[in-house]
Structures are given as structure tokens and as C-alpha cells.
């Protein structure tokens, strides 16, 4: 009975999530790819959150089968969590940049974690599609997590489009949320600004 309830909850979460993510966010208007924060423009694609939000906690399975918990945030001063989907062209277009960025920084300072929003934990067919895309885009230099109830509840309940990117500190607190895709230079500017703080 407990297993049936868990499966039902996962299906409900997936259905809700897929309705919310009916489209991709490539950035809007002149701010697409600008990297500005909400503090600089009310029409921007970035939403600044409370600096002292409670730490995010979750347990999930990575695309490589390893179990990953929110303890992963303690590995770096700054973690970029990129929520993407296999059907999202703006997501796939920025993933080569993210793969390069993951290699360019010291892991103690910066890391990237991807969340594959349309691949449920245990869905082997969808996982194979995602693994092919990860390999093709060069995004195999960082960890990608599969969607489950724990991860959905911890980070994705307010996500309405992909890509959505969170910046998280070493204690697991979300510092900022950025909607839409960006080019490599724009992401680098945002990352460097956080690391300089």
C-alpha cells in the first residue's frame, strides 16, 4: 500500500510538473542573455530570493546511478543548479557552455548540477534519451539528477519553465533564480560576481 501511494505521488508530481513546463524559456525581450538581476530591472528574467532562505534538502539518483543528497552543496562555495528538459532547445543550446564552465573552475569554488525535469527516477527509456543528449552536448562534465518526489518538493515546486537556474551556497540556501538560457560569457559574469562576494 505504501509503495502504491509513493508511485501515485510521483505520477501526480510529474503530471503537475509537465503542465507547468509546457514551454521553454529562452529569455525575454532585450534582457535575454543579459545576466542582470531582479534588483536592476523589474522586467528581468531573474528573481532574487531572500538571502537567508532555509537550506534545501533532498535525496535523488544521478543519471549515472549514484545516490546524491543535498550534501553535495557543501562540496563548493557556489553551486549552479540548472533545471533542463530533453525537449527544450534553449536548454540544449546552453549545455555545451555549462560543460565548459564546469571544467574551468576549481571544484572547491564552483560546481554545476543539472536536474533533468522530464526524466523520472526509474524511467530507463527516458534516461537513455537524456544520457545521449548529455553526451552530445558535452554536458557530461557535471552531475545530472533524475526527478523524484524529494527533489521536486525541495527545488521545483515553483519552477514554471525550463531552463531555470538556481545559485546555491555551500549551506544549501538558494541565493538567486535565473529564468531562461544564457551564453557562456553571461553565465561567467554571474558566477564570478558571486565568487567575488
N, C-alpha and C. Protein backbone atom coordinates (compact mmCIF):
# COMPACT_ATOMS: atom_id res chain seq x y z
N UNK A 1 0.82 -1.20 0.00
CA UNK A 1 0.00 0.00 0.00
C UNK A 1 0.87 1.27 0.00
N UNK A 2 1.94 1.25 0.81
CA UNK A 2 2.83 2.41 0.88
C UNK A 2 3.50 2.64 -0.47
N UNK A 3 3.92 1.55 -1.14
CA UNK A 3 4.56 1.68 -2.44
C UNK A 3 3.59 2.26 -3.46
N UNK A 4 2.34 1.84 -3.43
CA UNK A 4 1.32 2.35 -4.35
C UNK A 4 1.13 3.85 -4.14
N UNK A 5 1.10 4.28 -2.87
CA UNK A 5 0.93 5.70 -2.55
C UNK A 5 2.13 6.50 -3.07
N UNK A 6 3.34 5.98 -2.90
CA UNK A 6 4.55 6.67 -3.38
C UNK A 6 4.52 6.82 -4.89
N UNK A 7 4.16 5.74 -5.60
CA UNK A 7 4.08 5.78 -7.06
C UNK A 7 3.03 6.80 -7.51
N UNK A 8 1.88 6.80 -6.81
CA UNK A 8 0.82 7.74 -7.14
C UNK A 8 1.29 9.18 -6.93
N UNK A 9 2.01 9.44 -5.84
CA UNK A 9 2.53 10.78 -5.56
C UNK A 9 3.53 11.21 -6.63
N UNK A 10 4.41 10.29 -7.06
CA UNK A 10 5.38 10.62 -8.10
C UNK A 10 4.68 10.94 -9.42
N UNK A 11 3.67 10.15 -9.76
CA UNK A 11 2.94 10.40 -11.01
C UNK A 11 2.21 11.73 -10.95
N UNK A 12 1.62 12.04 -9.80
CA UNK A 12 0.93 13.31 -9.63
C UNK A 12 1.91 14.47 -9.74
N UNK A 13 3.07 14.33 -9.09
CA UNK A 13 4.09 15.38 -9.16
C UNK A 13 4.57 15.56 -10.60
N UNK A 14 4.80 14.45 -11.30
CA UNK A 14 5.27 14.52 -12.68
C UNK A 14 4.24 15.18 -13.58
N UNK A 15 2.97 14.82 -13.38
CA UNK A 15 1.91 15.42 -14.19
C UNK A 15 1.82 16.92 -13.94
N UNK A 16 1.86 17.31 -12.68
CA UNK A 16 1.81 18.73 -12.33
C UNK A 16 2.99 19.46 -12.93
N UNK A 17 4.17 18.84 -12.83
CA UNK A 17 5.38 19.47 -13.34
C UNK A 17 5.34 19.61 -14.85
N UNK A 18 4.84 18.59 -15.54
CA UNK A 18 4.80 18.67 -17.00
C UNK A 18 3.82 19.73 -17.48
N UNK A 19 2.73 19.95 -16.73
CA UNK A 19 1.79 21.01 -17.08
C UNK A 19 2.46 22.36 -16.92
N UNK A 20 3.20 22.52 -15.83
CA UNK A 20 3.89 23.79 -15.58
C UNK A 20 4.96 24.06 -16.62
N UNK A 21 5.61 23.01 -17.08
CA UNK A 21 6.73 23.18 -18.01
C UNK A 21 6.30 22.96 -19.45
N UNK A 22 5.21 23.58 -19.82
CA UNK A 22 4.72 23.37 -21.17
C UNK A 22 5.55 24.08 -22.22
N UNK A 23 6.51 24.87 -21.81
CA UNK A 23 7.36 25.57 -22.77
C UNK A 23 8.74 25.81 -22.22
N UNK A 24 9.61 26.27 -23.08
CA UNK A 24 10.97 26.60 -22.69
C UNK A 24 11.09 28.11 -22.54
N UNK A 25 11.99 28.52 -21.68
CA UNK A 25 12.26 29.95 -21.50
C UNK A 25 13.61 30.26 -22.11
N UNK A 26 13.61 30.97 -23.19
CA UNK A 26 14.86 31.33 -23.85
C UNK A 26 15.31 32.73 -23.45
N UNK A 27 14.67 33.29 -22.46
CA UNK A 27 14.91 34.68 -22.11
C UNK A 27 13.85 35.51 -22.80
N UNK A 28 13.62 36.71 -22.30
CA UNK A 28 12.57 37.53 -22.89
C UNK A 28 13.10 38.89 -23.28
N UNK A 29 12.64 39.37 -24.40
CA UNK A 29 12.96 40.73 -24.82
C UNK A 29 14.44 41.03 -24.83
N UNK A 30 14.78 42.26 -24.47
CA UNK A 30 16.16 42.71 -24.54
C UNK A 30 17.01 42.16 -23.42
N UNK A 31 16.40 41.57 -22.37
CA UNK A 31 17.20 41.07 -21.26
C UNK A 31 17.64 39.63 -21.48
N UNK A 32 17.22 38.99 -22.55
CA UNK A 32 17.64 37.61 -22.79
C UNK A 32 19.14 37.56 -22.92
N UNK A 33 19.75 36.78 -22.05
CA UNK A 33 21.20 36.64 -22.08
C UNK A 33 21.94 37.79 -21.43
N UNK A 34 21.22 38.71 -20.78
CA UNK A 34 21.91 39.87 -20.22
C UNK A 34 22.58 39.57 -18.90
N UNK A 35 22.02 38.62 -18.13
CA UNK A 35 22.60 38.28 -16.85
C UNK A 35 22.30 39.29 -15.76
N UNK A 36 21.42 40.27 -16.01
CA UNK A 36 21.08 41.23 -14.98
C UNK A 36 20.25 40.53 -13.90
N UNK A 37 20.24 41.10 -12.71
CA UNK A 37 19.46 40.53 -11.63
C UNK A 37 18.18 41.32 -11.44
N UNK A 38 17.26 40.76 -10.64
CA UNK A 38 15.98 41.41 -10.42
C UNK A 38 16.16 42.78 -9.78
N UNK A 39 17.23 42.97 -9.03
CA UNK A 39 17.45 44.25 -8.39
C UNK A 39 17.69 45.36 -9.41
N UNK A 40 18.15 45.00 -10.61
CA UNK A 40 18.48 46.02 -11.59
C UNK A 40 17.33 46.33 -12.54
N UNK A 41 16.35 45.44 -12.66
CA UNK A 41 15.25 45.67 -13.58
C UNK A 41 14.05 44.82 -13.21
N UNK A 42 12.87 45.44 -13.03
CA UNK A 42 11.70 44.66 -12.64
C UNK A 42 11.21 43.74 -13.75
N UNK A 43 11.59 43.98 -15.01
CA UNK A 43 11.13 43.14 -16.11
C UNK A 43 12.12 42.03 -16.45
N UNK A 44 13.16 41.87 -15.65
CA UNK A 44 14.23 40.93 -15.96
C UNK A 44 13.79 39.49 -15.73
N UNK A 45 14.56 38.56 -16.26
CA UNK A 45 14.25 37.13 -16.14
C UNK A 45 14.86 36.52 -14.89
N UNK A 46 15.38 37.33 -13.99
CA UNK A 46 15.98 36.84 -12.76
C UNK A 46 15.12 37.27 -11.58
N UNK A 47 14.97 36.39 -10.62
CA UNK A 47 14.19 36.69 -9.43
C UNK A 47 15.08 36.51 -8.23
N UNK A 48 15.33 37.59 -7.50
CA UNK A 48 16.20 37.49 -6.33
C UNK A 48 15.38 37.03 -5.15
N UNK A 49 15.85 36.00 -4.46
CA UNK A 49 15.15 35.45 -3.30
C UNK A 49 15.78 35.95 -2.02
N UNK A 50 15.11 35.67 -0.91
CA UNK A 50 15.64 36.03 0.39
C UNK A 50 17.03 35.42 0.57
N UNK A 51 18.00 36.20 1.06
CA UNK A 51 19.36 35.68 1.19
C UNK A 51 19.49 34.63 2.29
N UNK A 52 18.53 34.57 3.20
CA UNK A 52 18.63 33.62 4.29
C UNK A 52 17.49 32.60 4.22
N UNK A 53 17.22 32.11 3.04
CA UNK A 53 16.20 31.08 2.88
C UNK A 53 16.68 29.80 3.56
N UNK A 54 15.75 28.95 3.98
CA UNK A 54 16.18 27.70 4.63
C UNK A 54 16.94 26.82 3.65
N UNK A 55 17.87 26.01 4.15
CA UNK A 55 18.63 25.13 3.27
C UNK A 55 17.72 24.13 2.55
N UNK A 56 18.07 23.86 1.31
CA UNK A 56 17.37 22.85 0.51
C UNK A 56 17.84 21.47 0.96
N UNK A 57 16.91 20.53 1.10
CA UNK A 57 17.29 19.15 1.43
C UNK A 57 16.58 18.19 0.49
N UNK A 58 17.32 17.22 -0.04
CA UNK A 58 16.75 16.22 -0.93
C UNK A 58 17.65 15.00 -0.99
N UNK A 59 17.11 13.93 -1.54
CA UNK A 59 17.88 12.74 -1.91
C UNK A 59 17.39 12.32 -3.28
N UNK A 60 18.31 12.12 -4.21
CA UNK A 60 17.95 11.79 -5.59
C UNK A 60 18.98 10.83 -6.18
N UNK A 61 18.66 10.33 -7.36
CA UNK A 61 19.57 9.46 -8.09
C UNK A 61 20.09 10.23 -9.30
N UNK A 62 21.40 10.17 -9.50
CA UNK A 62 22.03 10.82 -10.65
C UNK A 62 21.86 9.94 -11.89
N UNK A 63 22.10 10.53 -13.04
CA UNK A 63 21.98 9.80 -14.30
C UNK A 63 22.93 8.61 -14.36
N UNK A 64 24.04 8.67 -13.61
CA UNK A 64 24.98 7.55 -13.60
C UNK A 64 24.62 6.49 -12.56
N UNK A 65 23.48 6.66 -11.86
CA UNK A 65 23.01 5.66 -10.91
C UNK A 65 23.42 5.91 -9.47
N UNK A 66 24.29 6.89 -9.24
CA UNK A 66 24.74 7.19 -7.87
C UNK A 66 23.66 7.96 -7.10
N UNK A 67 23.57 7.71 -5.80
CA UNK A 67 22.66 8.47 -4.95
C UNK A 67 23.33 9.78 -4.57
N UNK A 68 22.60 10.86 -4.69
CA UNK A 68 23.11 12.19 -4.38
C UNK A 68 22.14 12.85 -3.40
N UNK A 69 22.68 13.49 -2.37
CA UNK A 69 21.85 14.23 -1.43
C UNK A 69 22.22 15.71 -1.50
N UNK A 70 21.47 16.50 -0.78
CA UNK A 70 21.75 17.93 -0.73
C UNK A 70 23.09 18.24 -0.09
N UNK A 71 23.75 17.24 0.48
CA UNK A 71 25.11 17.44 0.99
C UNK A 71 26.08 17.83 -0.12
N UNK A 72 25.69 17.62 -1.36
CA UNK A 72 26.54 17.98 -2.50
C UNK A 72 26.87 19.47 -2.49
N UNK A 73 25.98 20.29 -1.93
CA UNK A 73 26.23 21.73 -1.90
C UNK A 73 27.45 22.09 -1.06
N UNK A 74 27.76 21.29 -0.07
CA UNK A 74 28.91 21.57 0.80
C UNK A 74 30.24 21.37 0.08
N UNK A 75 30.22 20.74 -1.09
CA UNK A 75 31.45 20.47 -1.84
C UNK A 75 32.05 21.73 -2.47
N UNK A 76 31.24 22.78 -2.66
CA UNK A 76 31.71 24.00 -3.32
C UNK A 76 31.14 25.23 -2.64
N UNK A 77 31.84 26.35 -2.80
CA UNK A 77 31.32 27.62 -2.28
C UNK A 77 30.04 28.01 -2.99
N UNK A 78 29.95 27.70 -4.29
CA UNK A 78 28.79 28.08 -5.10
C UNK A 78 28.41 26.93 -6.01
N UNK A 79 27.13 26.61 -6.04
CA UNK A 79 26.62 25.57 -6.94
C UNK A 79 25.57 26.19 -7.85
N UNK A 80 25.71 25.92 -9.13
CA UNK A 80 24.73 26.33 -10.13
C UNK A 80 23.87 25.10 -10.42
N UNK A 81 22.58 25.17 -10.12
CA UNK A 81 21.66 24.06 -10.38
C UNK A 81 20.83 24.43 -11.59
N UNK A 82 21.05 23.73 -12.69
CA UNK A 82 20.40 24.02 -13.96
C UNK A 82 19.30 23.00 -14.22
N UNK A 83 18.04 23.47 -14.22
CA UNK A 83 16.89 22.61 -14.48
C UNK A 83 16.62 22.64 -15.98
N UNK A 84 16.66 21.45 -16.61
CA UNK A 84 16.50 21.38 -18.05
C UNK A 84 15.58 20.23 -18.42
N UNK A 85 15.22 20.16 -19.69
CA UNK A 85 14.36 19.09 -20.20
C UNK A 85 14.86 18.62 -21.55
N UNK A 86 14.61 17.38 -21.86
CA UNK A 86 15.12 16.79 -23.10
C UNK A 86 14.48 17.40 -24.34
N UNK A 87 13.29 18.00 -24.22
CA UNK A 87 12.59 18.59 -25.35
C UNK A 87 12.90 20.08 -25.54
N UNK A 88 13.71 20.65 -24.67
CA UNK A 88 13.91 22.10 -24.61
C UNK A 88 15.15 22.53 -25.38
N UNK A 89 14.95 23.16 -26.54
CA UNK A 89 16.08 23.59 -27.37
C UNK A 89 16.96 24.63 -26.69
N UNK A 90 16.41 25.65 -26.01
CA UNK A 90 17.29 26.60 -25.31
C UNK A 90 18.15 25.91 -24.24
N UNK A 91 17.58 24.90 -23.59
CA UNK A 91 18.35 24.14 -22.59
C UNK A 91 19.54 23.47 -23.26
N UNK A 92 19.27 22.78 -24.35
CA UNK A 92 20.31 22.01 -25.04
C UNK A 92 21.36 22.94 -25.65
N UNK A 93 20.94 24.13 -26.09
CA UNK A 93 21.88 25.07 -26.70
C UNK A 93 22.89 25.61 -25.68
N UNK A 94 22.47 25.76 -24.40
CA UNK A 94 23.41 26.30 -23.42
C UNK A 94 24.23 25.22 -22.72
N UNK A 95 23.87 23.97 -22.86
CA UNK A 95 24.58 22.91 -22.15
C UNK A 95 26.06 22.78 -22.54
N UNK A 96 26.46 23.00 -23.79
CA UNK A 96 27.90 22.98 -24.09
C UNK A 96 28.67 24.03 -23.29
N UNK A 97 28.07 25.23 -23.12
CA UNK A 97 28.70 26.28 -22.32
C UNK A 97 28.84 25.84 -20.87
N UNK A 98 27.78 25.20 -20.35
CA UNK A 98 27.82 24.75 -18.96
C UNK A 98 28.89 23.68 -18.77
N UNK A 99 29.02 22.79 -19.75
CA UNK A 99 30.06 21.77 -19.68
C UNK A 99 31.45 22.39 -19.63
N UNK A 100 31.66 23.43 -20.42
CA UNK A 100 32.96 24.12 -20.42
C UNK A 100 33.19 24.83 -19.09
N UNK A 101 32.16 25.50 -18.58
CA UNK A 101 32.29 26.22 -17.31
C UNK A 101 32.59 25.27 -16.15
N UNK A 102 31.98 24.11 -16.17
CA UNK A 102 32.22 23.13 -15.10
C UNK A 102 33.69 22.75 -15.03
N UNK A 103 34.38 22.75 -16.17
CA UNK A 103 35.80 22.40 -16.23
C UNK A 103 36.73 23.57 -15.89
N UNK A 104 36.24 24.79 -16.03
CA UNK A 104 37.10 25.96 -15.91
C UNK A 104 37.30 26.46 -14.48
N UNK A 105 36.47 26.01 -13.56
CA UNK A 105 36.57 26.49 -12.17
C UNK A 105 37.07 25.38 -11.26
N UNK A 106 37.70 25.79 -10.17
CA UNK A 106 38.11 24.84 -9.14
C UNK A 106 36.85 24.28 -8.48
N UNK A 107 36.74 22.96 -8.32
CA UNK A 107 35.53 22.37 -7.71
C UNK A 107 35.25 22.88 -6.30
N UNK A 108 36.28 23.33 -5.59
CA UNK A 108 36.07 23.87 -4.25
C UNK A 108 35.32 25.21 -4.31
N UNK A 109 35.48 25.92 -5.43
CA UNK A 109 34.82 27.22 -5.59
C UNK A 109 33.45 27.11 -6.27
N UNK A 110 33.37 26.27 -7.31
CA UNK A 110 32.17 26.27 -8.14
C UNK A 110 31.91 24.90 -8.74
N UNK A 111 30.63 24.52 -8.76
CA UNK A 111 30.22 23.29 -9.43
C UNK A 111 28.85 23.50 -10.08
N UNK A 112 28.55 22.63 -11.03
CA UNK A 112 27.23 22.66 -11.69
C UNK A 112 26.55 21.32 -11.43
N UNK A 113 25.25 21.38 -11.17
CA UNK A 113 24.41 20.20 -11.04
C UNK A 113 23.21 20.41 -11.95
N UNK A 114 22.94 19.45 -12.81
CA UNK A 114 21.76 19.52 -13.67
C UNK A 114 20.62 18.72 -13.07
N UNK A 115 19.40 19.17 -13.29
CA UNK A 115 18.20 18.41 -12.93
C UNK A 115 17.43 18.19 -14.22
N UNK A 116 17.24 16.92 -14.59
CA UNK A 116 16.52 16.59 -15.82
C UNK A 116 15.04 16.52 -15.45
N UNK A 117 14.31 17.58 -15.74
CA UNK A 117 12.95 17.75 -15.23
C UNK A 117 11.91 16.83 -15.85
N UNK A 118 12.22 16.23 -16.99
CA UNK A 118 11.23 15.36 -17.62
C UNK A 118 11.64 13.89 -17.63
N UNK A 119 12.61 13.53 -16.78
CA UNK A 119 13.02 12.13 -16.66
C UNK A 119 12.84 11.71 -15.21
N UNK A 120 11.81 10.89 -14.98
CA UNK A 120 11.54 10.38 -13.64
C UNK A 120 12.52 9.28 -13.27
N UNK A 121 12.91 9.28 -12.03
CA UNK A 121 13.74 8.20 -11.50
C UNK A 121 13.07 6.85 -11.83
N UNK A 122 13.83 5.94 -12.43
CA UNK A 122 13.29 4.63 -12.77
C UNK A 122 12.80 4.50 -14.20
N UNK A 123 12.70 5.59 -14.96
CA UNK A 123 12.25 5.55 -16.35
C UNK A 123 13.47 5.35 -17.25
N UNK A 124 13.79 4.09 -17.54
CA UNK A 124 15.02 3.76 -18.28
C UNK A 124 15.02 4.27 -19.71
N UNK A 125 13.87 4.25 -20.39
CA UNK A 125 13.84 4.73 -21.78
C UNK A 125 14.15 6.23 -21.85
N UNK A 126 13.49 7.00 -20.98
CA UNK A 126 13.74 8.45 -20.96
C UNK A 126 15.17 8.74 -20.53
N UNK A 127 15.69 7.93 -19.61
CA UNK A 127 17.08 8.12 -19.16
C UNK A 127 18.06 7.94 -20.31
N UNK A 128 17.84 6.96 -21.16
CA UNK A 128 18.74 6.73 -22.29
C UNK A 128 18.75 7.93 -23.25
N UNK A 129 17.57 8.52 -23.47
CA UNK A 129 17.49 9.73 -24.30
C UNK A 129 18.30 10.85 -23.67
N UNK A 130 18.11 11.04 -22.35
CA UNK A 130 18.82 12.10 -21.64
C UNK A 130 20.33 11.88 -21.68
N UNK A 131 20.77 10.64 -21.47
CA UNK A 131 22.20 10.34 -21.49
C UNK A 131 22.82 10.66 -22.85
N UNK A 132 22.08 10.36 -23.92
CA UNK A 132 22.57 10.69 -25.27
C UNK A 132 22.74 12.19 -25.44
N UNK A 133 21.75 12.95 -24.96
CA UNK A 133 21.82 14.41 -25.08
C UNK A 133 22.94 14.99 -24.23
N UNK A 134 23.14 14.45 -23.04
CA UNK A 134 24.22 14.90 -22.17
C UNK A 134 25.57 14.69 -22.86
N UNK A 135 25.72 13.53 -23.48
CA UNK A 135 26.96 13.21 -24.18
C UNK A 135 27.15 14.11 -25.41
N UNK A 136 26.09 14.28 -26.20
CA UNK A 136 26.16 15.07 -27.44
C UNK A 136 26.48 16.53 -27.17
N UNK A 137 25.99 17.06 -26.06
CA UNK A 137 26.19 18.49 -25.76
C UNK A 137 27.46 18.77 -24.96
N UNK A 138 28.19 17.74 -24.58
CA UNK A 138 29.39 17.95 -23.79
C UNK A 138 29.10 18.30 -22.34
N UNK A 139 27.89 18.03 -21.90
CA UNK A 139 27.50 18.35 -20.52
C UNK A 139 27.76 17.17 -19.58
N UNK A 140 28.62 16.26 -20.02
CA UNK A 140 28.95 15.09 -19.20
C UNK A 140 30.04 15.41 -18.18
N UNK A 141 30.40 16.68 -18.06
CA UNK A 141 31.43 17.09 -17.10
C UNK A 141 30.84 17.42 -15.73
N UNK A 142 29.51 17.33 -15.61
CA UNK A 142 28.88 17.60 -14.32
C UNK A 142 27.72 16.63 -14.07
N UNK A 143 27.28 16.57 -12.83
CA UNK A 143 26.25 15.63 -12.38
C UNK A 143 24.86 16.07 -12.84
N UNK A 144 24.04 15.09 -13.26
CA UNK A 144 22.65 15.34 -13.65
C UNK A 144 21.76 14.45 -12.79
N UNK A 145 20.75 15.05 -12.16
CA UNK A 145 19.85 14.32 -11.27
C UNK A 145 18.53 14.03 -11.97
N UNK A 146 17.94 12.87 -11.62
CA UNK A 146 16.65 12.47 -12.16
C UNK A 146 15.55 12.93 -11.21
N UNK A 147 14.41 13.28 -11.75
CA UNK A 147 13.31 13.81 -10.97
C UNK A 147 12.70 12.74 -10.07
N UNK A 148 12.50 13.09 -8.81
CA UNK A 148 11.72 12.27 -7.88
C UNK A 148 10.96 13.20 -6.95
N UNK A 149 10.16 12.65 -6.07
CA UNK A 149 9.33 13.48 -5.19
C UNK A 149 10.17 14.37 -4.28
N UNK A 150 11.25 13.83 -3.74
CA UNK A 150 12.11 14.58 -2.83
C UNK A 150 12.70 15.80 -3.52
N UNK A 151 13.22 15.62 -4.71
CA UNK A 151 13.84 16.71 -5.47
C UNK A 151 12.79 17.73 -5.92
N UNK A 152 11.65 17.22 -6.37
CA UNK A 152 10.56 18.10 -6.80
C UNK A 152 10.13 19.01 -5.66
N UNK A 153 9.90 18.42 -4.49
CA UNK A 153 9.44 19.18 -3.33
C UNK A 153 10.49 20.17 -2.86
N UNK A 154 11.75 19.77 -2.91
CA UNK A 154 12.83 20.62 -2.40
C UNK A 154 13.11 21.83 -3.30
N UNK A 155 13.03 21.65 -4.63
CA UNK A 155 13.51 22.71 -5.52
C UNK A 155 12.59 23.11 -6.66
N UNK A 156 11.64 22.27 -7.06
CA UNK A 156 10.96 22.53 -8.32
C UNK A 156 9.50 22.95 -8.21
N UNK A 157 8.96 23.09 -7.01
CA UNK A 157 7.53 23.39 -6.89
C UNK A 157 7.15 24.73 -7.51
N UNK A 158 8.08 25.68 -7.56
CA UNK A 158 7.77 26.99 -8.14
C UNK A 158 8.35 27.19 -9.54
N UNK A 159 8.95 26.14 -10.11
CA UNK A 159 9.51 26.24 -11.45
C UNK A 159 8.39 26.18 -12.47
N UNK A 160 8.33 27.17 -13.36
CA UNK A 160 7.27 27.23 -14.36
C UNK A 160 7.77 27.09 -15.79
N UNK A 161 9.08 27.10 -16.00
CA UNK A 161 9.64 26.97 -17.34
C UNK A 161 11.06 26.47 -17.24
N UNK A 162 11.54 25.90 -18.33
CA UNK A 162 12.93 25.47 -18.40
C UNK A 162 13.60 26.19 -19.56
N UNK A 163 14.88 26.50 -19.47
CA UNK A 163 15.71 26.26 -18.29
C UNK A 163 15.44 27.26 -17.18
N UNK A 164 15.54 26.77 -15.96
CA UNK A 164 15.56 27.60 -14.76
C UNK A 164 16.84 27.24 -14.02
N UNK A 165 17.55 28.25 -13.55
CA UNK A 165 18.83 28.00 -12.89
C UNK A 165 18.83 28.64 -11.51
N UNK A 166 19.24 27.84 -10.53
CA UNK A 166 19.38 28.32 -9.16
C UNK A 166 20.86 28.46 -8.83
N UNK A 167 21.20 29.47 -8.05
CA UNK A 167 22.53 29.57 -7.47
C UNK A 167 22.38 29.29 -5.98
N UNK A 168 23.16 28.34 -5.48
CA UNK A 168 23.02 27.82 -4.12
C UNK A 168 24.37 27.94 -3.41
N UNK A 169 24.34 28.38 -2.15
CA UNK A 169 25.58 28.49 -1.39
C UNK A 169 25.97 27.15 -0.77
N UNK A 170 27.10 27.12 -0.09
CA UNK A 170 27.64 25.86 0.44
C UNK A 170 26.79 25.28 1.56
N UNK A 171 25.86 26.07 2.09
CA UNK A 171 24.96 25.59 3.14
C UNK A 171 23.63 25.14 2.58
N UNK A 172 23.48 25.19 1.26
CA UNK A 172 22.25 24.72 0.62
C UNK A 172 21.15 25.76 0.53
N UNK A 173 21.49 27.04 0.72
CA UNK A 173 20.49 28.10 0.61
C UNK A 173 20.49 28.65 -0.81
N UNK A 174 19.30 28.82 -1.36
CA UNK A 174 19.17 29.38 -2.71
C UNK A 174 19.41 30.88 -2.63
N UNK A 175 20.38 31.36 -3.41
CA UNK A 175 20.74 32.77 -3.43
C UNK A 175 20.00 33.54 -4.51
N UNK A 176 19.73 32.86 -5.63
CA UNK A 176 19.14 33.55 -6.78
C UNK A 176 18.54 32.52 -7.72
N UNK A 177 17.55 32.95 -8.49
CA UNK A 177 16.94 32.12 -9.52
C UNK A 177 16.96 32.89 -10.82
N UNK A 178 17.45 32.26 -11.89
CA UNK A 178 17.54 32.91 -13.20
C UNK A 178 16.71 32.10 -14.19
N UNK A 179 15.80 32.78 -14.88
CA UNK A 179 14.97 32.12 -15.87
C UNK A 179 15.56 32.30 -17.26
N UNK A 180 15.50 31.27 -18.07
CA UNK A 180 15.98 31.37 -19.44
C UNK A 180 17.43 30.96 -19.61
N UNK A 181 17.79 30.77 -20.86
CA UNK A 181 19.16 30.37 -21.18
C UNK A 181 20.04 31.60 -21.34
N UNK A 182 21.34 31.41 -21.17
CA UNK A 182 22.32 32.48 -21.30
C UNK A 182 23.51 31.95 -22.09
N UNK A 183 24.31 32.87 -22.63
CA UNK A 183 25.54 32.44 -23.28
C UNK A 183 26.64 32.26 -22.24
N UNK A 184 27.76 31.72 -22.64
CA UNK A 184 28.83 31.40 -21.71
C UNK A 184 29.36 32.63 -20.99
N UNK A 185 29.58 33.73 -21.72
CA UNK A 185 30.13 34.94 -21.09
C UNK A 185 29.19 35.50 -20.03
N UNK A 186 27.90 35.45 -20.30
CA UNK A 186 26.93 35.96 -19.33
C UNK A 186 26.93 35.11 -18.08
N UNK A 187 26.94 33.77 -18.24
CA UNK A 187 26.99 32.90 -17.06
C UNK A 187 28.28 33.15 -16.28
N UNK A 188 29.38 33.33 -17.00
CA UNK A 188 30.67 33.55 -16.33
C UNK A 188 30.64 34.83 -15.50
N UNK A 189 30.04 35.88 -16.02
CA UNK A 189 29.92 37.14 -15.28
C UNK A 189 29.13 36.93 -13.99
N UNK A 190 28.03 36.20 -14.07
CA UNK A 190 27.18 35.95 -12.89
C UNK A 190 27.95 35.12 -11.87
N UNK A 191 28.60 34.07 -12.33
CA UNK A 191 29.36 33.19 -11.44
C UNK A 191 30.48 33.97 -10.74
N UNK A 192 31.25 34.72 -11.53
CA UNK A 192 32.38 35.48 -10.97
C UNK A 192 31.90 36.50 -9.94
N UNK A 193 30.76 37.13 -10.20
CA UNK A 193 30.23 38.11 -9.25
C UNK A 193 29.91 37.44 -7.91
N UNK A 194 29.34 36.25 -7.94
CA UNK A 194 29.06 35.54 -6.69
C UNK A 194 30.35 35.11 -5.99
N UNK A 195 31.31 34.66 -6.74
CA UNK A 195 32.56 34.19 -6.13
C UNK A 195 33.37 35.34 -5.54
N UNK A 196 33.17 36.54 -6.04
CA UNK A 196 33.90 37.71 -5.53
C UNK A 196 33.28 38.25 -4.25
N UNK A 197 32.05 37.86 -3.94
CA UNK A 197 31.38 38.37 -2.74
C UNK A 197 32.02 37.84 -1.47
